[in-house]
């Protein structure tokens, strides 16, 4: 791997929005559409980024660290640039790459499937299956409320008891528990109302109440498994009882990106073939040089390396993929000051609320502290600008403030901020748009159940 030019530390004063850009001399910026040009990229040198606080900043701590910036118009004209070809740690903003490849691979309407199977016979009089209950699937969004729904659906089929064991596939996970057995035990307890935790009950009640589904709360759903929990494959010839389908991929991604959930990102990344496969697709489909994207994880944990220019290509690729499916970045990315999660408390002023759609990245210790903000902003003069801001080797909280002020300054240079047209939806509802389909066409157990091909 080629090594990029190294940087020394910079000191940036950012205590007044109007003065921010003047404090970072390595940053080249076009102030207005009238003067906007495709300016040459300015790779900052140690001399360029060494600054001192002015008299108005006395008593306030400066910011030290490394910074890369690339801000462009939608048609590709450069608005601001600083070290665009220097590799930085993107932290969790690399989840945008995971989301892009997932959308291209699965499609926005993809649903993760969890199957419930049995190798036993059903005694309708007692509501008992004499045999085991098998669970397959790799849904990264399967939680307490979904398990209670499964109990309800199986109850609707007349099933109350499983005489045998609960056998979960090696890839099954629940509630962000990476252990298949641990997830199986959690499912075992949640299915059974006598073992169900108060947390599971609260999750179910909150979801149903949010959806206005009062009917589901009138009865207590419960499925008792009399045996133990095992990890294994489905028995040959097992019959399908129920198929549970997650919310659409776009809804899963919205929750993932708003809360920057590492577990969900890694699980989806695994289903895409891992970091090597994702890296290869970024290089081949977006034309990113191999040296400009080095991934250690698909969640942003660890030492990843991406240049601002490569990250801009990822952002544009994601926007294009969404646009092809008549979607916008707000459909999967957090809207600042509105959506819960990582951007809930940023850009919250009345003028700025809803004017930024972006993905954050934060690593407190790795690379001496790494922070990033990647997304798009809207301005009052009608512009939508794409931006990549990456920092490392410094205080993360101050990096975030620096990023926010930089975005706000660019917006102010173009008439001020303008909110995107966005109507928020409770994220609980995003993961509640599930589907459950019985294994038979008439809703009853019997010979019409589908045989399982003996796969995990």
Protein backbone atom coordinates (compact mmCIF):
# COMPACT_ATOMS: atom_id res chain seq x y z
CA UNK A 1 0.00 0.00 0.00
CA UNK A 2 1.33 3.45 -0.89
CA UNK A 3 1.76 5.80 2.03
CA UNK A 4 0.18 9.23 1.72
CA UNK A 5 1.97 12.40 2.75
CA UNK A 6 1.94 12.82 6.51
CA UNK A 7 0.75 15.84 8.49
CA UNK A 8 1.84 17.63 11.62
CA UNK A 9 -0.74 19.00 14.06
CA UNK A 10 -2.87 22.02 13.30
CA UNK A 11 -4.40 24.56 15.64
CA UNK A 12 -7.80 25.87 14.62
CA UNK A 13 -9.81 28.63 16.27
CA UNK A 14 -13.52 28.33 15.59
CA UNK A 15 -15.19 30.52 18.20
CA UNK A 16 -17.01 32.70 15.72
CA UNK A 17 -18.81 31.32 12.71
CA UNK A 18 -17.76 34.22 10.52
CA UNK A 19 -14.09 33.73 11.34
CA UNK A 20 -13.88 29.97 11.05
CA UNK A 21 -12.65 29.68 7.50
CA UNK A 22 -10.05 32.35 8.01
CA UNK A 23 -8.56 30.23 10.80
CA UNK A 24 -7.82 27.29 8.51
CA UNK A 25 -5.56 28.65 5.74
CA UNK A 26 -5.24 25.21 4.14
CA UNK A 27 -8.92 25.37 3.24
CA UNK A 28 -9.81 26.69 -0.22
CA UNK A 29 -13.38 27.95 -0.42
CA UNK A 30 -15.60 29.61 -2.99
CA UNK A 31 -17.90 32.01 -1.14
CA UNK A 32 -20.85 32.24 -3.52
CA UNK A 33 -22.30 30.75 -6.69
CA UNK A 34 -21.10 33.81 -8.58
CA UNK A 35 -17.46 33.10 -7.74
CA UNK A 36 -17.74 29.31 -7.58
CA UNK A 37 -15.10 27.51 -9.65
CA UNK A 38 -13.64 24.08 -9.99
CA UNK A 39 -10.73 25.20 -7.85
CA UNK A 40 -7.63 23.04 -7.65
CA UNK A 41 -7.56 20.78 -4.61
CA UNK A 42 -5.32 22.21 -1.90
CA UNK A 43 -3.43 19.53 0.02
CA UNK A 44 -2.51 21.26 3.26
CA UNK A 45 1.11 21.35 4.34
CA UNK A 46 2.26 21.55 7.96
CA UNK A 47 2.99 25.24 7.46
CA UNK A 48 -0.45 25.92 6.03
CA UNK A 49 -2.35 24.36 8.91
CA UNK A 50 -0.30 25.82 11.75
CA UNK A 51 -2.41 28.71 13.14
CA UNK A 52 -2.68 30.76 16.30
CA UNK A 53 -5.67 32.07 18.20
CA UNK A 54 -6.36 35.80 17.78
CA UNK A 55 -7.09 38.24 20.58
CA UNK A 56 -10.83 37.51 20.58
CA UNK A 57 -10.13 33.85 21.35
CA UNK A 58 -8.10 34.38 24.52
CA UNK A 59 -9.25 32.18 27.38
CA UNK A 60 -10.86 29.63 25.03
CA UNK A 61 -9.08 26.36 24.16
CA UNK A 62 -8.04 25.90 20.51
CA UNK A 63 -8.45 22.75 18.45
CA UNK A 64 -5.49 20.57 17.52
CA UNK A 65 -5.46 17.78 14.98
CA UNK A 66 -5.61 16.80 11.32
CA UNK A 67 -8.38 17.79 8.96
CA UNK A 68 -9.60 16.87 5.49
CA UNK A 69 -12.46 18.70 3.79
CA UNK A 70 -14.23 18.39 0.46
CA UNK A 71 -17.43 20.31 -0.28
CA UNK A 72 -18.99 20.18 -3.74
CA UNK A 73 -22.08 21.26 -5.61
CA UNK A 74 -24.38 18.53 -6.91
CA UNK A 75 -22.83 18.91 -10.37
CA UNK A 76 -19.32 18.39 -9.00
CA UNK A 77 -17.91 21.91 -8.69
CA UNK A 78 -15.59 22.29 -5.72
CA UNK A 79 -16.76 24.73 -3.05
CA UNK A 80 -14.13 23.97 -0.40
CA UNK A 81 -11.13 21.66 -0.30
CA UNK A 82 -8.44 20.76 2.19
CA UNK A 83 -6.27 17.63 2.01
CA UNK A 84 -8.83 15.76 -0.16
CA UNK A 85 -6.34 13.02 -1.06
CA UNK A 86 -4.96 12.42 2.43
CA UNK A 87 -6.22 9.20 4.04
CA UNK A 88 -8.14 9.61 7.30
CA UNK A 89 -9.98 7.27 9.63
CA UNK A 90 -13.65 7.74 8.64
CA UNK A 91 -14.93 5.95 11.76
CA UNK A 92 -18.66 5.20 11.47
CA UNK A 93 -19.18 7.26 8.34
CA UNK A 94 -17.90 4.17 6.50
CA UNK A 95 -21.36 2.72 7.21
CA UNK A 96 -22.46 4.73 4.17
CA UNK A 97 -20.35 2.39 2.04
CA UNK A 98 -21.96 -0.63 3.70
CA UNK A 99 -25.39 0.85 3.04
CA UNK A 100 -24.55 1.57 -0.60
CA UNK A 101 -23.39 -1.98 -1.35
CA UNK A 102 -26.36 -3.43 0.54
CA UNK A 103 -28.82 -1.40 -1.55
CA UNK A 104 -27.08 -2.41 -4.78
CA UNK A 105 -26.92 -6.07 -3.78
CA UNK A 106 -30.33 -6.63 -2.19
CA UNK A 107 -32.48 -3.73 -3.37
CA UNK A 108 -34.33 -1.23 -1.15
CA UNK A 109 -37.37 -3.49 -0.63
CA UNK A 110 -35.38 -6.51 0.54
CA UNK A 111 -36.62 -8.09 3.76
CA UNK A 112 -34.54 -10.37 5.98
CA UNK A 113 -36.33 -13.68 6.50
CA UNK A 114 -36.55 -15.76 9.68
CA UNK A 115 -38.10 -19.20 9.30
CA UNK A 116 -39.75 -21.32 12.01
CA UNK A 117 -39.83 -25.06 11.30
CA UNK A 118 -40.77 -28.30 13.00
CA UNK A 119 -39.93 -31.98 12.57
CA UNK A 120 -42.84 -33.06 14.78
CA UNK A 121 -46.56 -33.75 14.57
CA UNK A 122 -49.26 -31.41 15.76
CA UNK A 123 -51.93 -32.34 18.31
CA UNK A 124 -54.64 -29.81 17.61
CA UNK A 125 -56.63 -30.74 20.72
CA UNK A 126 -53.81 -29.81 23.08
CA UNK A 127 -52.08 -27.23 20.88
CA UNK A 128 -48.84 -29.20 21.19
CA UNK A 129 -46.19 -29.98 18.61
CA UNK A 130 -44.53 -33.27 19.46
CA UNK A 131 -41.05 -32.42 18.23
CA UNK A 132 -38.54 -29.59 17.94
CA UNK A 133 -38.88 -25.98 16.85
CA UNK A 134 -36.14 -24.85 14.44
CA UNK A 135 -35.25 -21.24 13.64
CA UNK A 136 -33.31 -20.08 10.56
CA UNK A 137 -32.25 -16.66 9.33
CA UNK A 138 -29.77 -13.82 9.79
CA UNK A 139 -32.04 -10.83 10.39
CA UNK A 140 -29.91 -8.07 12.02
CA UNK A 141 -33.05 -6.27 13.23
CA UNK A 142 -34.80 -9.15 15.07
CA UNK A 143 -35.75 -7.99 18.59
CA UNK A 144 -37.98 -8.65 21.58
CA UNK A 145 -41.11 -7.27 19.96
CA UNK A 146 -40.65 -9.52 16.94
CA UNK A 147 -40.31 -12.60 19.14
CA UNK A 148 -43.57 -11.74 20.91
CA UNK A 149 -45.19 -11.34 17.49
CA UNK A 150 -43.95 -14.81 16.57
CA UNK A 151 -45.56 -16.25 19.70
CA UNK A 152 -48.80 -14.49 18.74
CA UNK A 153 -48.71 -15.80 15.17
CA UNK A 154 -47.98 -19.37 16.28
CA UNK A 155 -50.82 -19.07 18.80
CA UNK A 156 -53.07 -18.04 15.91
CA UNK A 157 -52.12 -21.34 14.25
CA UNK A 158 -53.24 -23.12 17.41
CA UNK A 159 -49.74 -23.85 18.70
CA UNK A 160 -49.20 -23.36 22.43
CA UNK A 161 -46.47 -25.84 23.33
CA UNK A 162 -43.35 -27.39 21.79
CA UNK A 163 -42.51 -30.71 23.48
CA UNK A 164 -38.93 -30.81 22.17
CA UNK A 165 -36.04 -28.35 21.89
CA UNK A 166 -35.53 -24.93 20.37
CA UNK A 167 -32.81 -25.25 17.73
CA UNK A 168 -31.46 -22.02 16.21
CA UNK A 169 -29.21 -21.71 13.16
CA UNK A 170 -25.58 -20.65 13.70
CA UNK A 171 -26.33 -17.28 12.08
CA UNK A 172 -29.40 -16.45 14.19
CA UNK A 173 -29.11 -13.34 16.36
CA UNK A 174 -31.53 -11.38 18.52
CA UNK A 175 -31.28 -8.01 20.26
CA UNK A 176 -27.73 -7.38 18.95
CA UNK A 177 -26.43 -10.53 20.67
CA UNK A 178 -23.71 -11.97 18.45
CA UNK A 179 -23.94 -15.40 20.14
CA UNK A 180 -26.37 -17.76 18.42
CA UNK A 181 -26.92 -19.71 21.64
CA UNK A 182 -27.31 -16.53 23.67
CA UNK A 183 -29.84 -15.27 21.14
CA UNK A 184 -31.60 -18.63 21.25
CA UNK A 185 -31.94 -18.44 25.02
CA UNK A 186 -33.31 -14.90 24.72
CA UNK A 187 -35.84 -16.10 22.13
CA UNK A 188 -36.75 -19.11 24.34
CA UNK A 189 -37.58 -16.79 27.24
CA UNK A 190 -39.35 -14.15 25.18
CA UNK A 191 -41.68 -16.63 23.48
CA UNK A 192 -42.91 -17.86 26.87
CA UNK A 193 -44.98 -15.28 28.78
CA UNK A 194 -44.03 -16.88 32.12
CA UNK A 195 -40.33 -16.28 31.36
CA UNK A 196 -40.63 -13.07 29.37
CA UNK A 197 -38.61 -10.16 30.75
CA UNK A 198 -40.14 -6.81 31.65
CA UNK A 199 -37.90 -5.29 28.97
CA UNK A 200 -39.44 -7.53 26.32
CA UNK A 201 -42.95 -6.73 27.51
CA UNK A 202 -42.23 -3.00 27.44
CA UNK A 203 -40.80 -3.24 23.92
CA UNK A 204 -43.87 -5.09 22.68
CA UNK A 205 -46.31 -2.74 24.42
CA UNK A 206 -44.51 0.38 23.17
CA UNK A 207 -44.44 -0.85 19.57
CA UNK A 208 -48.10 -1.88 19.51
CA UNK A 209 -49.18 1.35 21.23
CA UNK A 210 -47.17 3.46 18.78
CA UNK A 211 -48.82 1.64 15.90
CA UNK A 212 -52.28 1.97 17.45
CA UNK A 213 -52.66 -1.82 17.51
CA UNK A 214 -54.77 -2.10 20.66
CA UNK A 215 -56.16 -5.52 19.68
CA UNK A 216 -52.77 -7.22 20.03
CA UNK A 217 -52.52 -6.01 23.62
CA UNK A 218 -55.84 -7.50 24.69
CA UNK A 219 -54.39 -10.99 25.05
CA UNK A 220 -51.04 -12.33 26.26
CA UNK A 221 -49.28 -14.40 23.61
CA UNK A 222 -47.18 -17.30 24.84
CA UNK A 223 -45.38 -20.33 23.43
CA UNK A 224 -43.75 -22.80 25.84
CA UNK A 225 -40.77 -24.89 24.72
CA UNK A 226 -40.32 -27.84 27.08
CA UNK A 227 -36.80 -28.81 26.02
CA UNK A 228 -33.48 -26.95 25.84
CA UNK A 229 -31.80 -24.51 23.46
CA UNK A 230 -29.31 -25.78 20.88
CA UNK A 231 -27.46 -24.36 17.87
CA UNK A 232 -27.72 -26.50 14.78
CA UNK A 233 -29.27 -27.22 11.41
CA UNK A 234 -32.88 -27.93 10.59
CA UNK A 235 -33.78 -31.62 10.52
CA UNK A 236 -34.27 -33.19 7.10
CA UNK A 237 -37.90 -33.09 6.03
CA UNK A 238 -38.90 -30.46 8.58
CA UNK A 239 -42.01 -28.47 7.79
CA UNK A 240 -42.33 -24.69 7.66
CA UNK A 241 -44.65 -23.28 10.29
CA UNK A 242 -44.13 -19.59 9.84
CA UNK A 243 -42.01 -17.10 7.90
CA UNK A 244 -41.21 -13.78 9.56
CA UNK A 245 -40.00 -10.99 7.26
CA UNK A 246 -38.27 -7.90 8.61
CA UNK A 247 -39.04 -4.34 7.64
CA UNK A 248 -37.68 -3.23 4.27
CA UNK A 249 -33.94 -2.73 3.95
CA UNK A 250 -34.36 1.05 3.71
CA UNK A 251 -36.12 1.09 7.08
CA UNK A 252 -33.44 -1.11 8.64
CA UNK A 253 -30.75 1.19 7.23
CA UNK A 254 -32.52 4.28 8.61
CA UNK A 255 -32.36 2.87 12.14
CA UNK A 256 -28.81 1.60 11.61
CA UNK A 257 -27.50 4.98 10.39
CA UNK A 258 -29.45 7.14 12.85
CA UNK A 259 -28.07 5.25 15.83
CA UNK A 260 -24.83 4.22 14.08
CA UNK A 261 -25.40 0.64 15.19
CA UNK A 262 -22.15 -1.30 14.79
CA UNK A 263 -23.76 -4.72 15.22
CA UNK A 264 -26.29 -4.22 12.44
CA UNK A 265 -23.63 -2.84 10.11
CA UNK A 266 -21.33 -5.81 10.66
CA UNK A 267 -24.19 -8.31 10.24
CA UNK A 268 -25.27 -6.75 6.96
CA UNK A 269 -21.63 -6.57 5.92
CA UNK A 270 -21.24 -10.29 6.57
CA UNK A 271 -24.21 -11.00 4.30
CA UNK A 272 -22.45 -8.96 1.59
CA UNK A 273 -19.32 -11.12 1.76
CA UNK A 274 -17.38 -9.08 4.33
CA UNK A 275 -15.02 -6.13 4.06
CA UNK A 276 -13.01 -7.61 1.18
CA UNK A 277 -16.12 -7.96 -0.97
CA UNK A 278 -17.38 -4.48 -0.11
CA UNK A 279 -13.97 -2.94 -0.79
CA UNK A 280 -13.77 -4.68 -4.16
CA UNK A 281 -17.21 -3.38 -5.15
CA UNK A 282 -16.32 0.18 -4.14
CA UNK A 283 -13.16 0.05 -6.24
CA UNK A 284 -14.78 -1.50 -9.32
CA UNK A 285 -18.14 0.29 -9.37
CA UNK A 286 -17.10 3.75 -8.19
CA UNK A 287 -13.63 3.89 -9.68
CA UNK A 288 -11.96 4.54 -6.33
CA UNK A 289 -8.20 3.85 -6.35
CA UNK A 290 -7.31 0.87 -4.17
CA UNK A 291 -4.98 3.02 -2.05
CA UNK A 292 -7.82 5.41 -1.21
CA UNK A 293 -10.00 2.91 0.64
CA UNK A 294 -8.60 0.41 3.15
CA UNK A 295 -11.25 -1.23 5.32
CA UNK A 296 -10.64 -3.04 8.60
CA UNK A 297 -14.38 -3.24 9.36
CA UNK A 298 -17.75 -2.33 7.84
CA UNK A 299 -18.99 -0.61 10.99
CA UNK A 300 -16.13 1.87 11.30
CA UNK A 301 -14.47 0.25 14.29
CA UNK A 302 -10.72 -0.10 14.12
CA UNK A 303 -8.21 1.45 11.77
CA UNK A 304 -9.92 2.16 8.45
CA UNK A 305 -8.49 4.53 5.87
CA UNK A 306 -10.44 6.57 3.32
CA UNK A 307 -9.62 9.85 1.59
CA UNK A 308 -12.19 12.67 1.51
CA UNK A 309 -12.28 12.33 -2.28
CA UNK A 310 -13.09 8.61 -2.05
CA UNK A 311 -15.73 9.28 0.59
CA UNK A 312 -17.31 11.85 -1.69
CA UNK A 313 -17.57 9.18 -4.40
CA UNK A 314 -19.23 6.85 -1.90
CA UNK A 315 -21.71 9.56 -0.93
CA UNK A 316 -22.51 10.30 -4.57
CA UNK A 317 -22.87 6.61 -5.31
CA UNK A 318 -25.32 6.25 -2.44
CA UNK A 319 -27.34 9.24 -3.60
CA UNK A 320 -27.48 7.86 -7.13
CA UNK A 321 -28.61 4.44 -5.92
CA UNK A 322 -31.37 6.02 -3.83
CA UNK A 323 -32.44 8.28 -6.70
CA UNK A 324 -32.74 5.27 -9.03
CA UNK A 325 -35.31 3.88 -6.61
CA UNK A 326 -37.11 7.24 -6.16
CA UNK A 327 -35.68 7.67 -2.67
CA UNK A 328 -33.72 10.47 -1.01
CA UNK A 329 -30.84 10.47 1.48
CA UNK A 330 -33.30 11.34 4.26
CA UNK A 331 -34.97 7.95 3.70
CA UNK A 332 -31.96 6.19 5.21
CA UNK A 333 -29.74 8.87 6.81
CA UNK A 334 -30.36 10.96 9.94
CA UNK A 335 -31.72 14.47 9.54
CA UNK A 336 -29.93 16.76 11.99
CA UNK A 337 -31.93 18.26 14.83
CA UNK A 338 -34.96 16.08 14.02
CA UNK A 339 -34.17 12.36 13.97
CA UNK A 340 -33.11 10.63 17.20
CA UNK A 341 -29.59 9.31 17.46
CA UNK A 342 -26.21 10.75 16.60
CA UNK A 343 -27.43 14.02 15.06
CA UNK A 344 -30.32 14.68 17.43
CA UNK A 345 -28.48 17.46 19.29
CA UNK A 346 -26.59 18.99 16.37
CA UNK A 347 -27.86 21.83 14.13
CA UNK A 348 -30.81 22.29 16.48
CA UNK A 349 -31.21 26.06 16.10
CA UNK A 350 -34.54 27.11 14.56
CA UNK A 351 -32.86 28.18 11.32
CA UNK A 352 -30.66 25.09 10.99
CA UNK A 353 -32.98 22.34 12.14
CA UNK A 354 -33.56 19.93 9.27
CA UNK A 355 -31.08 21.62 6.92
CA UNK A 356 -28.38 18.92 7.19
CA UNK A 357 -28.60 15.21 6.37
CA UNK A 358 -25.44 13.40 7.39
CA UNK A 359 -23.64 10.43 8.90
CA UNK A 360 -21.31 10.94 11.81
CA UNK A 361 -18.19 9.01 12.72
CA UNK A 362 -16.63 8.86 16.17
CA UNK A 363 -13.69 7.00 17.68
CA UNK A 364 -12.57 8.44 20.99
CA UNK A 365 -9.17 6.71 21.25
CA UNK A 366 -8.32 5.15 17.89
CA UNK A 367 -5.89 7.28 15.88
CA UNK A 368 -5.70 9.69 18.80
CA UNK A 369 -9.39 10.52 18.39
CA UNK A 370 -11.20 10.45 15.06
CA UNK A 371 -14.37 12.24 13.96
CA UNK A 372 -16.14 12.73 10.67
CA UNK A 373 -19.30 14.25 9.23
CA UNK A 374 -20.42 13.26 5.73
CA UNK A 375 -23.63 14.29 4.02
CA UNK A 376 -25.45 17.16 2.37
CA UNK A 377 -26.61 20.62 3.39
CA UNK A 378 -29.27 22.88 1.96
CA UNK A 379 -29.00 26.65 1.62
CA UNK A 380 -31.57 29.38 1.26
CA UNK A 381 -30.45 30.30 -2.22
CA UNK A 382 -31.55 26.85 -3.39
CA UNK A 383 -28.24 24.99 -3.34
CA UNK A 384 -27.80 21.48 -2.03
CA UNK A 385 -24.12 20.90 -1.31
CA UNK A 386 -22.36 17.61 -0.57
CA UNK A 387 -19.65 17.62 2.08
CA UNK A 388 -17.01 15.41 3.66
CA UNK A 389 -15.24 16.60 6.82
CA UNK A 390 -12.74 14.26 8.48
CA UNK A 391 -10.62 14.88 11.57
CA UNK A 392 -8.24 12.88 13.73
CA UNK A 393 -5.52 13.16 16.38
CA UNK A 394 -7.46 15.51 18.63
CA UNK A 395 -10.45 16.15 20.87
CA UNK A 396 -13.56 14.61 19.33
CA UNK A 397 -15.99 17.06 20.95
CA UNK A 398 -14.06 20.00 19.52
CA UNK A 399 -13.85 18.31 16.14
CA UNK A 400 -17.65 18.06 16.10
CA UNK A 401 -18.06 21.73 16.93
CA UNK A 402 -15.56 22.59 14.22
CA UNK A 403 -17.48 20.49 11.68
CA UNK A 404 -20.80 22.10 12.59
CA UNK A 405 -19.40 25.62 12.34
CA UNK A 406 -17.83 24.86 8.99
CA UNK A 407 -21.14 23.64 7.56
CA UNK A 408 -22.97 26.62 9.05
CA UNK A 409 -20.43 29.04 7.60
CA UNK A 410 -20.85 27.60 4.12
CA UNK A 411 -24.63 27.82 4.48
CA UNK A 412 -24.35 31.45 5.65
CA UNK A 413 -22.20 32.26 2.62
CA UNK A 414 -25.14 31.19 0.44
CA UNK A 415 -28.03 32.98 2.08
CA UNK A 416 -28.29 30.85 5.20
CA UNK A 417 -29.71 27.38 5.94
CA UNK A 418 -32.89 25.97 4.43
CA UNK A 419 -34.64 22.84 5.78
CA UNK A 420 -35.07 19.84 3.53
CA UNK A 421 -38.61 18.70 2.80
CA UNK A 422 -38.76 15.94 5.41
CA UNK A 423 -41.56 14.43 7.47
CA UNK A 424 -40.13 12.33 10.31
CA UNK A 425 -41.56 8.96 11.29
CA UNK A 426 -40.98 7.31 14.66
CA UNK A 427 -38.09 4.87 14.23
CA UNK A 428 -40.07 2.28 16.20
CA UNK A 429 -42.47 2.17 13.29
CA UNK A 430 -39.57 1.65 10.88
CA UNK A 431 -38.79 -1.79 12.34
CA UNK A 432 -42.44 -2.66 12.93
CA UNK A 433 -43.36 -2.98 9.26
CA UNK A 434 -42.86 -6.74 9.34
CA UNK A 435 -44.70 -9.58 7.65
CA UNK A 436 -45.56 -13.02 9.01
CA UNK A 437 -46.71 -15.75 6.63
CA UNK A 438 -47.89 -19.18 7.73
CA UNK A 439 -46.38 -22.20 6.06
CA UNK A 440 -49.74 -23.35 4.75
CA UNK A 441 -52.09 -21.64 2.34
CA UNK A 442 -55.14 -21.96 4.60
CA UNK A 443 -53.53 -20.94 7.89
CA UNK A 444 -53.85 -24.44 9.37
CA UNK A 445 -51.18 -27.03 10.03
CA UNK A 446 -51.24 -30.05 7.81
CA UNK A 447 -49.84 -31.67 4.69
CA UNK A 448 -49.61 -28.37 2.82
CA UNK A 449 -46.62 -27.28 4.94
CA UNK A 450 -43.41 -26.75 3.00
CA UNK A 451 -40.58 -29.26 3.42
CA UNK A 452 -37.20 -27.82 4.44
CA UNK A 453 -34.19 -28.72 2.23
CA UNK A 454 -31.94 -29.45 5.26
CA UNK A 455 -29.91 -26.26 5.26
CA UNK A 456 -28.88 -24.20 8.31
